[in-house]
Amino acid sequence: MGPDPLSDQDLAHLLERTSRTFALTIPLLDPPLARQVGVAYLLFRLADELEDAPLWGRDRRARALASFVRWLDGADAAPPATETWTALVAEARPTNDAGCLELLARADDVLAAARAMDAGVAAAIVAHTKRTALGMAEFVARQDERGGITLTDIDDLARYAYVVAGIVGELLTELFALADERVAAVRGALDTDAGAFGEGLQLVNILKDAPSDAREGRVYLPEGVPRQAIVDLARSDLARAARYVRTLVDAKASRGAVLFCDLPVCLAEATLDRLDEGGSKLEREEVKRIYQAVTTQHLRDE
């Protein structure tokens, strides 16, 4: 018998435990998109946990990601069982974060929930998660034995941001198009900016988290590259992300899809402004104000 299905309540709980941002924005989507995007996020987050794994070194991360790809394909039941990523997690936890450990324990349920969706949706979620995991594995292979990594130049940074987040933008576009023929009609325009949508958000996170990442041996800001050049790349990507949102608006996409995309872009732009001012992150009340302002604006525009 397969794993128990992942209820909507289970899904909401896991989102809350692993991402306050997505726990806030995913419910804005209409059904069935909310469930599709929620399950997809959790699968991507599983790959991220294996790639990041602060308590593991390079070799265990690499073995886990290779097994994770086989698991997505339903081909990870073959021996040796000790080489499955779930066995590696059971043997030595990759993180001390309780929410992430809870997600890792429910992984089979998450994958079962994805596979229970319409065939086209399930195939898209699994295929894009697999692309991300394979790309992550390429960067893990470049780490030192303890798991530290230094990106070499701005192109290397852009490639990393695309692998871990740009592909998410491409998956979202596919799911939006499958759910709404109005979005499908502008798929070409959306595809032009989909990668930049996710990449820009990731670049802002990298800039924001650079000090803590460096303490853990991960230097994502390439040495010799002016910080302003990275800020400029992030702003360029966010401009394309804003164009992505405008394309959705012009296509009369659902209000939920527009809000789901516009909120993180507006938050990222505000965070980048704060970093330029010498600050580090937005306060909770500032996030609430931006949320209310964006929501009100789109209500007014309807």
Foldseek 3Di string as FASTA:
>chain_A
DADDAQDPVNLLVLCVLPPPLLNVQLVLDDPPSSVLLSLLVLLLVLLVLLLPLLVAWLVLSLLALVLSLCVLVVRNPDDPVCSHNLNSCVVPNSDPRPSSVVSSVCVRNSLVNLVPDPPVSSVLSSVLSSQLSVLSSVQSVQAPGRRADAQADVVSLLSNQLSSWLSSLVSLLSSLVVVDVLSVVCSVLLVVLSSLLGSLLVLLVCLLCQVVSVVSRYHSPHPPDDPVVSLVSSVVSLVSLVVSLVSCVVSVRDPSSSLSSVLSSVLSVVSSVCVVVVHRHDDPVVSVVSSVVVSVVSVVVD
